Amino acid sequence: MARGTAHVYLATLFALGLRVPARAGADEVTISGLNVERTITCDGRDVVIHGTNHRLTLKGRCRQVWMDGTGHVVHVEALGSADVAGVSNRLEWERGLGGEEPDIEITGVGNSAARVAAASAPGRGGAKRGQRGAHP
């Protein structure tokens, strides 16, 4: 990508309220595309989610989750922090890393994050213990 094009791309992402991950590489898992249904073991890695209508289960310790796009349901066992952007995305988490409440930032339209019971499956909602969401 040409340098000028990269700047326009980044400016467009920020104007739309989308975030660009601060780092990339081996300590990151990226999911993109349409209608992906997967279980992924984080192993302390960051997870970046783009695309539409994913149903993901993130096992183990997930340091950071970045989510944008539309219609995702993502279930995380152990979460450090998350940025939820885009439209109509739901983040479900069981517990925070180190016993702390995860730091979750929600932007966009119709996005939400909720703590759920450990037996919850993606898209099933689980037994909710607390919920936060951005309002349209």
Protein backbone atom coordinates (compact mmCIF):
# COMPACT_ATOMS: atom_id res chain seq x y z
CA MET A 1 0.00 0.00 0.00
CA ALA A 2 1.42 3.39 -0.97
CA ARG A 3 2.19 5.79 1.86
CA GLY A 4 -0.53 8.30 0.89
CA THR A 5 -3.07 5.52 0.51
CA ALA A 6 -2.20 4.15 3.96
CA HIS A 7 -2.80 7.56 5.55
CA VAL A 8 -6.19 7.87 3.83
CA TYR A 9 -7.10 4.33 4.95
CA LEU A 10 -6.16 5.07 8.58
CA ALA A 11 -7.97 8.42 8.54
CA THR A 12 -11.10 6.70 7.21
CA LEU A 13 -10.97 4.05 9.94
CA PHE A 14 -10.66 6.67 12.67
CA ALA A 15 -13.46 8.78 11.13
CA LEU A 16 -15.73 5.73 11.23
CA GLY A 17 -14.82 5.09 14.84
CA LEU A 18 -12.89 1.92 14.03
CA ARG A 19 -9.65 1.14 15.79
CA VAL A 20 -6.40 -0.16 14.43
CA PRO A 21 -4.56 -2.61 16.69
CA ALA A 22 -1.37 -1.15 18.18
CA ARG A 23 0.70 -4.21 17.37
CA ALA A 24 0.63 -7.10 14.97
CA GLY A 25 2.55 -10.31 14.65
CA ALA A 26 2.90 -13.73 16.20
CA ASP A 27 1.20 -12.64 19.44
CA GLU A 28 -2.03 -11.89 17.53
CA VAL A 29 -4.82 -13.94 15.96
CA THR A 30 -6.87 -12.26 13.21
CA ILE A 31 -10.29 -13.46 12.07
CA SER A 32 -11.96 -11.90 9.03
CA GLY A 33 -14.53 -12.81 6.39
CA LEU A 34 -18.17 -13.87 6.61
CA ASN A 35 -19.99 -16.25 8.96
CA VAL A 36 -16.92 -17.77 10.63
CA GLU A 37 -17.74 -20.25 13.43
CA ARG A 38 -14.63 -21.30 15.38
CA THR A 39 -13.18 -22.05 18.75
CA ILE A 40 -9.76 -20.48 19.24
CA THR A 41 -7.30 -20.89 22.11
CA CYS A 42 -5.84 -17.47 22.92
CA ASP A 43 -2.77 -18.58 24.92
CA GLY A 44 -2.30 -14.96 26.05
CA ARG A 45 -2.48 -13.60 22.50
CA ASP A 46 -4.51 -10.66 21.24
CA VAL A 47 -7.46 -11.34 18.94
CA VAL A 48 -8.57 -9.03 16.10
CA ILE A 49 -12.01 -9.66 14.58
CA HIS A 50 -13.22 -8.10 11.30
CA GLY A 51 -16.03 -9.06 8.97
CA THR A 52 -19.67 -10.06 9.37
CA ASN A 53 -21.69 -12.51 11.48
CA HIS A 54 -18.94 -14.48 13.22
CA ARG A 55 -19.71 -16.87 16.10
CA LEU A 56 -16.46 -17.30 18.03
CA THR A 57 -15.46 -18.93 21.29
CA LEU A 58 -12.13 -17.72 22.66
CA LYS A 59 -10.67 -20.20 25.17
CA GLY A 60 -8.03 -19.50 27.76
CA ARG A 61 -6.44 -16.12 28.52
CA CYS A 62 -7.13 -13.41 25.92
CA ARG A 63 -5.06 -10.31 26.62
CA GLN A 64 -6.93 -7.94 24.24
CA VAL A 65 -9.86 -8.39 21.84
CA TRP A 66 -10.53 -5.85 19.07
CA MET A 67 -13.86 -6.30 17.31
CA ASP A 68 -15.36 -4.35 14.41
CA GLY A 69 -17.71 -5.22 11.59
CA THR A 70 -21.33 -6.34 11.94
CA GLY A 71 -23.31 -9.01 13.75
CA HIS A 72 -20.59 -10.87 15.70
CA VAL A 73 -21.17 -12.89 18.87
CA VAL A 74 -17.89 -13.56 20.66
CA HIS A 75 -17.59 -15.55 23.90
CA VAL A 76 -14.34 -15.14 25.88
CA GLU A 77 -13.28 -17.29 28.84
CA ALA A 78 -10.72 -14.89 30.39
CA LEU A 79 -10.49 -11.31 29.11
CA GLY A 80 -7.98 -8.54 29.81
CA SER A 81 -9.51 -5.75 27.72
CA ALA A 82 -11.65 -5.23 24.64
CA ASP A 83 -12.65 -2.61 22.08
CA VAL A 84 -16.05 -3.31 20.52
CA ALA A 85 -16.85 -1.14 17.48
CA GLY A 86 -19.02 -1.52 14.40
CA VAL A 87 -22.72 -2.42 14.41
CA SER A 88 -24.73 -5.00 16.40
CA ASN A 89 -21.80 -6.89 17.90
CA ARG A 90 -21.99 -8.75 21.22
CA LEU A 91 -19.08 -9.64 23.49
CA GLU A 92 -19.70 -12.22 26.22
CA TRP A 93 -17.02 -12.80 28.86
CA GLU A 94 -16.76 -15.16 31.83
CA ARG A 95 -14.02 -13.57 33.94
CA GLY A 96 -11.32 -10.94 33.83
CA LEU A 97 -7.60 -11.68 33.80
CA GLY A 98 -5.99 -11.67 37.23
CA GLY A 99 -9.39 -11.46 38.95
CA GLU A 100 -9.89 -7.90 37.68
CA GLU A 101 -12.88 -6.58 35.75
CA PRO A 102 -11.84 -6.33 32.07
CA ASP A 103 -11.47 -2.86 30.56
CA ILE A 104 -14.11 -2.77 27.81
CA GLU A 105 -14.69 0.17 25.47
CA ILE A 106 -17.87 0.11 23.38
CA THR A 107 -18.44 2.42 20.40
CA GLY A 108 -20.57 2.14 17.29
CA VAL A 109 -24.28 1.31 17.14
CA GLY A 110 -26.09 -1.48 18.96
CA ASN A 111 -22.97 -3.10 20.44
CA SER A 112 -22.90 -4.69 23.88
CA ALA A 113 -20.72 -6.56 26.36
CA ALA A 114 -21.97 -8.80 29.15
CA ARG A 115 -20.52 -11.05 31.79
CA VAL A 116 -22.02 -14.54 31.43
CA ALA A 117 -21.91 -17.86 33.25
CA ALA A 118 -19.05 -20.20 32.40
CA ALA A 119 -21.33 -22.73 30.64
CA SER A 120 -22.62 -20.14 28.13
CA ALA A 121 -22.14 -20.83 24.43
CA PRO A 122 -21.76 -18.15 21.73
CA GLY A 123 -25.08 -16.74 20.67
CA ARG A 124 -26.97 -18.41 23.52
CA GLY A 125 -26.69 -15.48 25.91
CA GLY A 126 -25.99 -17.53 29.05
CA ALA A 127 -26.93 -16.44 32.55
CA LYS A 128 -26.07 -12.77 32.48
CA ARG A 129 -24.52 -11.19 35.55
CA GLY A 130 -23.89 -7.70 34.22
CA GLN A 131 -24.30 -5.89 30.93
CA ARG A 132 -23.03 -2.75 29.27
CA GLY A 133 -23.92 -1.43 25.87
CA ALA A 134 -23.69 1.55 23.55
CA HIS A 135 -26.95 3.14 22.63
CA PRO A 136 -27.82 3.96 19.02
